[in-house]
Amino acid sequence: MAYNQFNQFNQFNKGNVPPEVKKYLSSYKYILAGIALIILLWTTFFQIRPEELGVITRFGKYVRSEEPGLHIKLPILERVDKVAVERQQKEEFGFRTTSTGIQSQYSKTGTTDESLMLTGDLNLADVEWVVQYRIDDPYKFLFKVREPVGTMRDISESCMRQIVGDRTVNEVLTVGRTEIAISVQEEIQKLCTEYSLGIKIEQVVLQDVNPPDPVKDAFNAVNQAQQEKETLINQARSEYNKIIPRARGQADETIQKAEGYATERVNNALGEAARFNALYREYIKAPEVTKKRLYLETLATVLPKLGNKIITDEKGSNVLPLLQMQFDKK
């Protein structure tokens, strides 16, 4: 048996190939040619999706960029890198998303070093934030900087520490969050442009800002005390705003009444003085007539107020009949 196999191998080397072997080899060549053609077509044609941009390199050198659609390239010699320029991407700091869905799951394992920061008033704050970005220059993103996303993460952490370090812990935890996010976004974009990362920062979102766990209870107690202080101050101001304007209004009312009374008395005095002067001038012209007129006018004013009157003779010898001396006021 071994001799027969050796004999067949010897005949194959001498060119005495059996017909069935020749037929098998011929079909094998066609299969190899078909596979080679498929590989050639596969490496020649490529498609760019709508959200992507194709970057073509030849032997590692940038050649051109291709828009979305079907394109061709030199097989083997040229390479295409597809960059998602329309997709918004994000980088998380201080936490990681472990699962997404209706209720996303998050984890802080191994992220304490990047989220624990020192504020301007020498307090600690645990800052979690998200940087949303988009690739706006694929050439710079691929060729200008090695690991551009990692560089952008380092820039983001540095900028956040700088901005937080310039503010108090109360500003970081409460009223200053929006201002901090805007300042960090501007600073990150400035450095990304300077370093030619080809990245555009869309938004910086402060996800959560808390005091560190060891001092969280004490900080919450202080924060509650400050809130109670603000509440009492606001209540005092409310009472002040209700009482003081009312007192001022009453004071103004009293002053106006006094001024009105003074004006009335002065005007009455002036009127009486003018009336007396007028009577005096008439009296100088005709003393007896003026005296008699004043006497009669005085009686006309006084007698209606006396009621019934009884008039007797000077000598008092007889009682005269009762006279009705009342005058009709009309």
Protein backbone atom coordinates (compact mmCIF):
# COMPACT_ATOMS: atom_id res chain seq x y z
CA MET A 1 0.00 0.00 0.00
CA ALA A 2 2.82 2.31 0.83
CA TYR A 3 4.47 1.39 -2.41
CA ASN A 4 1.32 2.33 -4.41
CA GLN A 5 1.11 5.77 -2.71
CA PHE A 6 4.77 6.40 -3.44
CA ASN A 7 4.23 5.39 -7.03
CA GLN A 8 1.29 7.81 -7.45
CA PHE A 9 3.30 10.66 -5.90
CA ASN A 10 6.20 9.92 -8.25
CA GLN A 11 3.91 9.96 -11.27
CA PHE A 12 2.41 13.33 -10.09
CA ASN A 13 5.85 14.90 -9.88
CA LYS A 14 6.68 13.68 -13.38
CA GLY A 15 3.59 15.38 -14.78
CA ASN A 16 1.56 12.27 -15.12
CA VAL A 17 -1.50 13.82 -13.43
CA PRO A 18 -4.69 11.78 -13.60
CA PRO A 19 -7.60 13.43 -15.48
CA GLU A 20 -9.83 13.60 -12.39
CA VAL A 21 -7.12 15.52 -10.54
CA LYS A 22 -6.72 17.93 -13.45
CA LYS A 23 -10.45 18.55 -13.44
CA TYR A 24 -10.42 19.20 -9.72
CA LEU A 25 -7.53 21.63 -10.02
CA SER A 26 -9.25 23.49 -12.87
CA SER A 27 -12.43 24.00 -10.84
CA TYR A 28 -10.33 25.09 -7.86
CA LYS A 29 -8.75 27.84 -9.95
CA TYR A 30 -12.18 29.20 -10.84
CA ILE A 31 -13.17 29.22 -7.18
CA LEU A 32 -10.00 31.12 -6.23
CA ALA A 33 -10.58 33.59 -9.05
CA GLY A 34 -14.16 34.16 -7.88
CA ILE A 35 -13.06 34.69 -4.30
CA ALA A 36 -10.36 37.11 -5.46
CA LEU A 37 -12.95 39.04 -7.52
CA ILE A 38 -15.31 39.25 -4.57
CA ILE A 39 -12.52 40.53 -2.32
CA LEU A 40 -11.52 43.05 -4.99
CA LEU A 41 -15.07 44.38 -5.28
CA TRP A 42 -15.50 44.36 -1.51
CA THR A 43 -12.39 46.46 -1.04
CA THR A 44 -13.23 48.79 -3.93
CA PHE A 45 -16.80 49.86 -3.19
CA PHE A 46 -17.87 51.33 0.14
CA GLN A 47 -20.87 53.21 1.49
CA ILE A 48 -20.99 56.21 3.80
CA ARG A 49 -24.12 56.51 5.96
CA PRO A 50 -25.99 59.86 6.25
CA GLU A 51 -24.54 60.71 9.67
CA GLU A 52 -20.97 59.89 8.66
CA LEU A 53 -18.11 61.32 6.65
CA GLY A 54 -15.49 59.10 4.96
CA VAL A 55 -11.79 59.95 5.28
CA ILE A 56 -9.63 58.28 2.60
CA THR A 57 -5.93 57.62 3.24
CA ARG A 58 -3.37 56.11 0.86
CA PHE A 59 -0.48 54.39 2.61
CA GLY A 60 -1.47 56.32 5.75
CA LYS A 61 -1.53 59.77 4.07
CA TYR A 62 -4.73 61.78 3.88
CA VAL A 63 -6.09 61.94 0.32
CA ARG A 64 -9.70 63.15 0.39
CA SER A 65 -13.02 63.09 2.22
CA GLU A 66 -16.21 61.52 0.92
CA GLU A 67 -19.79 62.60 1.58
CA PRO A 68 -22.60 60.12 2.41
CA GLY A 69 -23.40 57.71 -0.41
CA LEU A 70 -21.78 54.90 -2.45
CA HIS A 71 -18.12 55.46 -3.45
CA ILE A 72 -15.07 53.61 -4.80
CA LYS A 73 -11.44 53.53 -3.75
CA LEU A 74 -8.26 51.80 -4.80
CA PRO A 75 -8.35 48.32 -3.30
CA ILE A 76 -5.66 47.47 -0.78
CA LEU A 77 -3.83 50.76 -1.44
CA GLU A 78 -6.44 53.04 0.04
CA ARG A 79 -8.22 52.84 3.38
CA VAL A 80 -11.46 54.50 4.51
CA ASP A 81 -12.20 55.67 8.06
CA LYS A 82 -15.86 56.47 8.74
CA VAL A 83 -16.35 59.30 11.24
CA ALA A 84 -19.81 60.05 12.71
CA VAL A 85 -19.90 63.83 12.31
CA GLU A 86 -23.67 64.28 12.85
CA ARG A 87 -23.98 62.08 15.94
CA GLN A 88 -23.94 63.78 19.33
CA GLN A 89 -21.70 61.89 21.73
CA LYS A 90 -21.09 62.31 25.43
CA GLU A 91 -18.45 61.72 28.07
CA GLU A 92 -19.40 61.15 31.70
CA PHE A 93 -17.38 62.39 34.67
CA GLY A 94 -17.84 61.24 38.26
CA PHE A 95 -20.13 58.37 37.28
CA ARG A 96 -20.72 55.79 34.57
CA THR A 97 -23.95 54.59 33.00
CA THR A 98 -24.16 50.83 33.45
CA SER A 99 -27.52 50.26 31.75
CA THR A 100 -29.98 52.43 29.84
CA GLY A 101 -33.73 52.23 29.58
CA ILE A 102 -36.77 53.51 31.41
CA GLN A 103 -34.75 53.49 34.63
CA SER A 104 -31.08 53.89 33.80
CA GLN A 105 -28.52 52.48 36.20
CA TYR A 106 -25.42 54.42 37.24
CA SER A 107 -22.25 53.54 39.11
CA LYS A 108 -19.58 55.65 40.84
CA THR A 109 -17.05 52.84 41.12
CA GLY A 110 -13.57 54.12 40.33
CA THR A 111 -14.70 57.68 39.51
CA THR A 112 -14.08 59.39 42.87
CA ASP A 113 -10.73 60.85 41.81
CA GLU A 114 -12.23 62.77 38.89
CA SER A 115 -15.30 64.09 40.74
CA LEU A 116 -13.90 65.14 44.14
CA MET A 117 -12.88 68.83 43.94
CA LEU A 118 -11.71 71.65 46.22
CA THR A 119 -13.79 74.85 46.12
CA GLY A 120 -12.55 78.38 46.55
CA ASP A 121 -13.46 78.49 50.25
CA LEU A 122 -11.45 75.29 50.92
CA ASN A 123 -14.45 72.94 51.03
CA LEU A 124 -14.86 69.66 49.18
CA ALA A 125 -17.57 68.99 46.62
CA ASP A 126 -18.45 65.84 44.68
CA VAL A 127 -19.19 67.14 41.16
CA GLU A 128 -20.72 64.92 38.47
CA TRP A 129 -21.07 66.31 34.96
CA VAL A 130 -21.58 65.32 31.32
CA VAL A 131 -19.88 66.79 28.26
CA GLN A 132 -21.88 66.47 25.04
CA TYR A 133 -19.81 66.95 21.89
CA ARG A 134 -19.75 66.39 18.14
CA ILE A 135 -16.90 65.81 15.70
CA ASP A 136 -16.88 68.80 13.34
CA ASP A 137 -13.50 68.24 11.60
CA PRO A 138 -12.74 64.55 10.87
CA TYR A 139 -9.25 65.35 9.49
CA LYS A 140 -8.12 67.03 12.71
CA PHE A 141 -9.87 64.42 14.81
CA LEU A 142 -7.99 61.54 13.11
CA PHE A 143 -4.57 62.99 12.36
CA LYS A 144 -3.77 66.05 14.50
CA VAL A 145 -3.85 64.59 18.02
CA ARG A 146 -3.39 61.08 19.31
CA GLU A 147 -6.45 59.95 21.31
CA PRO A 148 -8.48 63.17 20.93
CA VAL A 149 -11.34 61.93 23.13
CA GLY A 150 -8.94 61.17 25.99
CA THR A 151 -7.36 64.59 25.54
CA MET A 152 -10.79 66.19 25.63
CA ARG A 153 -11.56 64.35 28.88
CA ASP A 154 -8.36 65.67 30.46
CA ILE A 155 -9.21 69.19 29.29
CA SER A 156 -12.75 68.91 30.69
CA GLU A 157 -11.57 67.76 34.10
CA SER A 158 -8.93 70.51 34.26
CA CYS A 159 -11.40 73.24 33.29
CA MET A 160 -14.02 72.03 35.77
CA ARG A 161 -11.49 72.01 38.61
CA GLN A 162 -10.35 75.52 37.69
CA ILE A 163 -13.89 76.97 37.55
CA VAL A 164 -15.05 75.21 40.73
CA GLY A 165 -11.87 76.31 42.53
CA ASP A 166 -12.79 79.96 41.92
CA ARG A 167 -16.20 79.70 43.64
CA THR A 168 -17.57 78.95 47.08
CA VAL A 169 -19.18 75.64 47.91
CA ASN A 170 -22.61 77.31 48.19
CA GLU A 171 -22.31 78.69 44.68
CA VAL A 172 -21.30 75.27 43.35
CA LEU A 173 -24.19 73.51 45.09
CA THR A 174 -26.94 76.06 44.47
CA VAL A 175 -27.12 79.30 42.51
CA GLY A 176 -23.89 79.09 40.52
CA ARG A 177 -24.45 75.81 38.67
CA THR A 178 -25.67 77.33 35.41
CA GLU A 179 -22.86 79.88 35.34
CA ILE A 180 -20.29 77.16 36.04
CA ALA A 181 -21.60 74.96 33.22
CA ILE A 182 -21.47 77.83 30.71
CA SER A 183 -17.95 78.87 31.79
CA VAL A 184 -16.65 75.29 31.58
CA GLN A 185 -18.15 74.83 28.11
CA GLU A 186 -16.51 78.00 26.81
CA GLU A 187 -13.14 77.07 28.32
CA ILE A 188 -13.21 73.50 26.95
CA GLN A 189 -14.13 74.72 23.47
CA LYS A 190 -11.33 77.26 23.56
CA LEU A 191 -8.71 74.62 24.38
CA CYS A 192 -10.13 72.07 21.91
CA THR A 193 -9.82 74.66 19.15
CA GLU A 194 -6.31 75.58 20.26
CA TYR A 195 -5.20 71.93 20.29
CA SER A 196 -6.89 71.16 16.90
CA LEU A 197 -8.95 68.27 18.26
CA GLY A 198 -11.68 68.70 15.64
CA ILE A 199 -14.33 68.55 18.39
CA LYS A 200 -17.21 70.96 18.99
CA ILE A 201 -18.62 71.09 22.53
CA GLU A 202 -22.41 71.15 22.33
CA GLN A 203 -23.26 71.36 26.04
CA VAL A 204 -21.90 70.83 29.55
CA VAL A 205 -24.45 69.59 32.08
CA LEU A 206 -23.83 69.45 35.82
CA GLN A 207 -25.53 66.16 36.57
CA ASP A 208 -25.30 66.22 40.35
CA VAL A 209 -23.32 68.20 42.91
CA ASN A 210 -23.15 66.99 46.51
CA PRO A 211 -20.86 67.29 49.51
CA PRO A 212 -18.66 64.22 50.10
CA ASP A 213 -20.36 61.34 51.93
CA PRO A 214 -18.34 61.67 55.20
CA VAL A 215 -19.52 65.27 55.73
CA LYS A 216 -22.88 65.13 53.98
CA ASP A 217 -24.93 65.00 57.22
CA ALA A 218 -23.11 67.95 58.75
CA PHE A 219 -23.37 69.94 55.55
CA ASN A 220 -27.11 69.24 55.30
CA ALA A 221 -27.55 70.43 58.89
CA VAL A 222 -25.71 73.67 58.10
CA ASN A 223 -27.70 74.11 54.92
CA GLN A 224 -30.97 73.59 56.80
CA ALA A 225 -29.92 76.18 59.39
CA GLN A 226 -29.13 78.66 56.63
CA GLN A 227 -32.51 78.03 55.04
CA GLU A 228 -34.25 78.61 58.38
CA LYS A 229 -32.24 81.82 58.76
CA GLU A 230 -33.38 83.00 55.33
CA THR A 231 -36.97 82.08 56.21
CA LEU A 232 -36.89 84.14 59.41
CA ILE A 233 -35.29 87.07 57.59
CA ASN A 234 -37.99 86.94 54.91
CA GLN A 235 -40.73 86.82 57.57
CA ALA A 236 -39.21 89.82 59.36
CA ARG A 237 -39.03 91.72 56.09
CA SER A 238 -42.65 90.84 55.39
CA GLU A 239 -43.75 92.20 58.77
CA TYR A 240 -41.59 95.27 58.21
CA ASN A 241 -43.19 95.85 54.82
CA LYS A 242 -46.67 95.61 56.35
CA ILE A 243 -46.14 97.75 59.49
CA ILE A 244 -43.78 100.49 58.35
CA PRO A 245 -45.82 101.62 55.30
CA ARG A 246 -48.97 101.62 57.45
CA ALA A 247 -47.27 103.76 60.12
CA ARG A 248 -45.93 106.08 57.46
CA GLY A 249 -49.40 106.41 55.98
CA GLN A 250 -50.90 107.21 59.38
CA ALA A 251 -48.17 109.77 60.03
CA ASP A 252 -48.78 111.41 56.66
CA GLU A 253 -52.53 111.44 57.37
CA THR A 254 -52.00 113.11 60.77
CA ILE A 255 -49.65 115.68 59.26
CA GLN A 256 -52.12 116.46 56.49
CA LYS A 257 -54.96 116.83 59.01
CA ALA A 258 -52.82 119.17 61.12
CA GLU A 259 -51.86 121.19 58.09
CA GLY A 260 -55.51 121.39 57.02
CA TYR A 261 -56.58 122.45 60.50
CA ALA A 262 -53.85 125.09 60.62
CA THR A 263 -54.87 126.39 57.19
CA GLU A 264 -58.51 126.51 58.29
CA ARG A 265 -57.73 128.43 61.49
CA VAL A 266 -55.50 130.87 59.64
CA ASN A 267 -58.12 131.45 56.96
CA ASN A 268 -60.85 131.91 59.59
CA ALA A 269 -58.66 134.36 61.49
CA LEU A 270 -57.90 136.25 58.33
CA GLY A 271 -61.59 136.32 57.48
CA GLU A 272 -62.55 137.56 60.95
CA ALA A 273 -59.86 140.21 60.82
CA ALA A 274 -61.03 141.35 57.38
CA ARG A 275 -64.64 141.43 58.63
CA PHE A 276 -63.65 143.46 61.72
CA ASN A 277 -61.68 145.90 59.61
CA ALA A 278 -64.63 146.32 57.26
CA LEU A 279 -66.98 146.94 60.21
CA TYR A 280 -64.51 149.37 61.74
CA ARG A 281 -64.31 151.36 58.55
CA GLU A 282 -68.09 151.57 58.42
CA TYR A 283 -68.18 152.48 62.11
CA ILE A 284 -65.77 155.40 61.51
CA LYS A 285 -68.08 156.70 58.80
CA ALA A 286 -71.29 156.47 60.88
CA PRO A 287 -70.74 155.39 64.48
CA GLU A 288 -74.35 155.59 65.73
CA VAL A 289 -75.88 153.87 62.72
CA THR A 290 -73.27 151.14 62.75
CA LYS A 291 -73.63 150.61 66.48
CA LYS A 292 -77.39 150.29 66.20
CA ARG A 293 -77.10 147.87 63.24
CA LEU A 294 -74.67 145.67 65.10
CA TYR A 295 -76.95 145.69 68.13
CA LEU A 296 -79.96 144.64 66.08
CA GLU A 297 -78.06 141.96 64.22
CA THR A 298 -76.80 140.57 67.52
CA LEU A 299 -80.34 140.45 68.92
CA ALA A 300 -81.56 138.72 65.76
CA THR A 301 -78.94 136.05 66.33
CA VAL A 302 -79.35 135.64 70.10
CA LEU A 303 -83.10 135.93 70.69
CA PRO A 304 -84.14 132.83 68.60
CA LYS A 305 -81.94 130.72 70.85
CA LEU A 306 -83.61 131.89 74.12
CA GLY A 307 -87.00 130.21 73.68
CA ASN A 308 -89.96 131.75 75.56
CA LYS A 309 -89.42 135.23 77.07
CA ILE A 310 -91.19 137.10 79.81
CA ILE A 311 -90.93 140.88 79.67
CA THR A 312 -91.92 143.00 82.65
CA ASP A 313 -92.20 146.70 83.26
CA GLU A 314 -89.18 148.44 84.63
CA LYS A 315 -91.07 149.36 87.73
CA GLY A 316 -92.34 145.84 88.08
CA SER A 317 -95.84 146.88 89.11
CA ASN A 318 -97.69 144.74 86.66
CA VAL A 319 -96.94 141.54 84.79
CA LEU A 320 -97.37 142.02 81.08
CA PRO A 321 -98.90 139.27 78.98
CA LEU A 322 -96.55 136.65 77.69
CA LEU A 323 -95.09 137.74 74.42
CA GLN A 324 -94.09 135.24 71.76
CA MET A 325 -90.68 136.59 70.75
CA GLN A 326 -89.55 133.62 68.64
CA PHE A 327 -88.62 134.35 65.06
CA ASP A 328 -89.00 132.07 62.11
CA LYS A 329 -85.52 131.04 60.97
CA LYS A 330 -86.78 130.81 57.43
